[in-house]
Amino acid sequence: MSLAGRFVNEQALAAAAARLREAGIEPLEIITPHPVEQLERGISPVPVIVLLAGIGAFVASLGLQIYAASRSYPIDIGGRPYNSWLAFIPTAFENGILLAVVAGFLSFLVLSWRRSPITEAPGEGYWLAVAPEARAELEATRPSSIAELAP
């Protein structure tokens, strides 16, 4: 069973979350009606994954087409060179975009796929919940309620 608490404003919520993180209690589930800047933590790895997947797919697709046209199955068409790489740019670009979108979608799903300590926040307000696996660490800090964590 997780421990959840409701806070009246975002300053109290941010202070409680900071005290819990200082005590080494993670993971926290924070539910707010709007984004709270004090609670933002680092950058998401999703844009980097999307960029690397797109560039990797572009290079792989271009390399495969150049290999197929110049080494695997060369065809002499009107005396043009076998390695006409400019003709392969549009399809390589499309393949890069396709894999970037798929990688972005899958990385978003994988990175956000975790069990939430609480399923639904009753009413409105700013909510903070501590996952059941962090219960031993929370008992070491000994708050009688989660509201004691706010200043």
Protein backbone atom coordinates (compact mmCIF):
# COMPACT_ATOMS: atom_id res chain seq x y z
CA MET A 1 0.00 0.00 0.00
CA SER A 2 1.37 3.39 -0.95
CA LEU A 3 1.25 6.58 1.05
CA ALA A 4 -0.35 9.58 -0.68
CA GLY A 5 -0.93 13.15 0.36
CA ARG A 6 -2.65 16.24 -1.01
CA PHE A 7 -1.06 19.69 -0.87
CA VAL A 8 -2.80 23.03 -1.12
CA ASN A 9 -0.24 24.72 -3.37
CA GLU A 10 2.70 23.87 -5.57
CA GLN A 11 5.32 25.35 -3.21
CA ALA A 12 4.34 22.91 -0.44
CA LEU A 13 4.37 20.03 -2.92
CA ALA A 14 7.82 21.00 -4.25
CA ALA A 15 9.21 21.29 -0.70
CA ALA A 16 7.85 17.86 0.27
CA ALA A 17 9.20 16.25 -2.88
CA ALA A 18 12.62 17.83 -2.27
CA ARG A 19 12.73 16.55 1.32
CA LEU A 20 11.79 13.04 0.20
CA ARG A 21 14.41 13.04 -2.53
CA GLU A 22 17.05 14.32 -0.10
CA ALA A 23 16.18 11.41 2.19
CA GLY A 24 16.70 9.03 -0.76
CA ILE A 25 13.06 8.01 -1.10
CA GLU A 26 12.22 7.14 -4.68
CA PRO A 27 10.11 6.55 -6.77
CA LEU A 28 7.63 9.34 -6.25
CA GLU A 29 4.42 9.79 -8.19
CA ILE A 30 3.45 13.44 -8.49
CA ILE A 31 0.08 14.40 -9.92
CA THR A 32 -0.61 18.08 -10.64
CA PRO A 33 -3.23 19.91 -12.69
CA HIS A 34 -0.46 21.68 -14.64
CA PRO A 35 3.33 21.35 -15.01
CA VAL A 36 5.30 22.58 -11.99
CA GLU A 37 8.75 23.92 -12.89
CA GLN A 38 10.32 23.18 -9.49
CA LEU A 39 9.63 19.46 -9.99
CA GLU A 40 11.21 19.08 -13.42
CA ARG A 41 14.13 16.63 -13.37
CA GLY A 42 16.59 16.51 -16.24
CA ILE A 43 16.07 15.97 -19.91
CA SER A 44 14.21 13.13 -21.54
CA PRO A 45 16.33 10.68 -23.55
CA VAL A 46 13.58 10.35 -26.20
CA PRO A 47 14.87 13.13 -28.53
CA VAL A 48 18.37 11.64 -28.54
CA ILE A 49 16.97 8.18 -29.32
CA VAL A 50 14.87 9.62 -32.16
CA LEU A 51 17.86 11.50 -33.63
CA LEU A 52 20.17 8.48 -33.48
CA ALA A 53 17.53 6.17 -34.96
CA GLY A 54 16.81 8.59 -37.81
CA ILE A 55 20.47 9.14 -38.69
CA GLY A 56 21.23 5.43 -38.36
CA ALA A 57 18.32 4.45 -40.62
CA PHE A 58 19.31 7.09 -43.20
CA VAL A 59 22.91 5.88 -43.33
CA ALA A 60 21.91 2.19 -43.37
CA SER A 61 19.35 2.71 -46.13
CA LEU A 62 21.74 4.76 -48.24
CA GLY A 63 24.51 2.17 -47.75
CA LEU A 64 22.22 -0.70 -48.66
CA GLN A 65 21.05 0.99 -51.85
CA ILE A 66 24.59 1.92 -52.90
CA TYR A 67 25.77 -1.64 -52.23
CA ALA A 68 22.87 -3.14 -54.17
CA ALA A 69 23.30 -0.82 -57.16
CA SER A 70 27.10 -0.90 -57.43
CA ARG A 71 28.26 -4.27 -56.06
CA SER A 72 25.48 -6.80 -55.74
CA TYR A 73 23.54 -6.21 -58.95
CA PRO A 74 25.15 -3.53 -61.15
CA ILE A 75 23.09 -2.50 -64.19
CA ASP A 76 24.50 -0.30 -66.95
CA ILE A 77 21.75 2.18 -67.79
CA GLY A 78 22.72 4.70 -70.43
CA GLY A 79 26.38 4.74 -69.39
CA ARG A 80 25.64 6.25 -65.96
CA PRO A 81 27.92 5.35 -63.09
CA TYR A 82 26.85 2.46 -60.88
CA ASN A 83 27.09 4.59 -57.74
CA SER A 84 24.43 7.24 -58.44
CA TRP A 85 24.00 8.12 -54.79
CA LEU A 86 21.90 11.23 -55.46
CA ALA A 87 19.06 9.03 -56.66
CA PHE A 88 19.05 7.18 -53.35
CA ILE A 89 18.71 10.24 -51.06
CA PRO A 90 14.86 10.53 -51.10
CA THR A 91 14.19 6.92 -50.14
CA ALA A 92 16.97 6.95 -47.54
CA PHE A 93 15.47 10.13 -46.07
CA GLU A 94 12.00 8.54 -45.95
CA ASN A 95 13.39 5.44 -44.25
CA GLY A 96 15.19 7.63 -41.71
CA ILE A 97 11.99 9.51 -40.88
CA LEU A 98 10.02 6.26 -40.62
CA LEU A 99 12.45 4.65 -38.20
CA ALA A 100 12.78 7.87 -36.17
CA VAL A 101 9.01 7.98 -35.65
CA VAL A 102 8.84 4.30 -34.69
CA ALA A 103 11.81 4.65 -32.32
CA GLY A 104 10.26 7.74 -30.72
CA PHE A 105 6.95 6.00 -30.16
CA LEU A 106 8.54 2.84 -28.76
CA SER A 107 11.02 4.70 -26.53
CA PHE A 108 8.20 6.83 -25.14
CA LEU A 109 6.21 3.68 -24.33
CA VAL A 110 9.16 1.86 -22.79
CA LEU A 111 10.34 4.83 -20.71
CA SER A 112 6.88 5.65 -19.39
CA TRP A 113 5.82 2.05 -18.76
CA ARG A 114 5.87 1.61 -15.01
CA ARG A 115 3.41 0.84 -12.28
CA SER A 116 1.88 3.88 -10.64
CA PRO A 117 1.60 3.84 -6.83
CA ILE A 118 -1.85 5.36 -7.02
CA THR A 119 -4.32 4.83 -9.80
CA GLU A 120 -6.47 7.89 -9.44
CA ALA A 121 -6.21 11.12 -7.52
CA PRO A 122 -9.40 11.88 -5.62
CA GLY A 123 -10.55 15.44 -6.26
CA GLU A 124 -8.36 18.27 -7.43
CA GLY A 125 -5.10 19.62 -6.10
CA TYR A 126 -1.46 18.68 -5.92
CA TRP A 127 -0.83 15.03 -5.04
CA LEU A 128 2.31 13.20 -4.03
CA ALA A 129 2.49 9.44 -3.54
CA VAL A 130 5.33 7.20 -2.43
CA ALA A 131 5.60 3.78 -4.06
CA PRO A 132 5.16 0.68 -1.87
CA GLU A 133 8.75 -0.45 -2.53
CA ALA A 134 10.03 2.73 -0.83
CA ARG A 135 8.07 2.08 2.36
CA ALA A 136 11.10 0.96 4.42
CA GLU A 137 13.01 4.12 3.55
CA LEU A 138 9.97 6.23 4.37
CA GLU A 139 9.57 4.59 7.78
CA ALA A 140 13.19 5.50 8.55
CA THR A 141 12.33 9.21 8.21
CA ARG A 142 9.35 8.66 10.52
CA PRO A 143 6.79 11.22 9.36
CA SER A 144 3.38 10.51 10.89
CA SER A 145 1.84 11.88 7.73
CA ILE A 146 3.09 13.00 4.39
CA ALA A 147 1.83 16.51 5.15
CA GLU A 148 4.60 16.87 7.78
CA LEU A 149 7.13 16.95 4.95
CA ALA A 150 5.91 20.35 3.78
CA PRO A 151 7.33 23.40 5.58
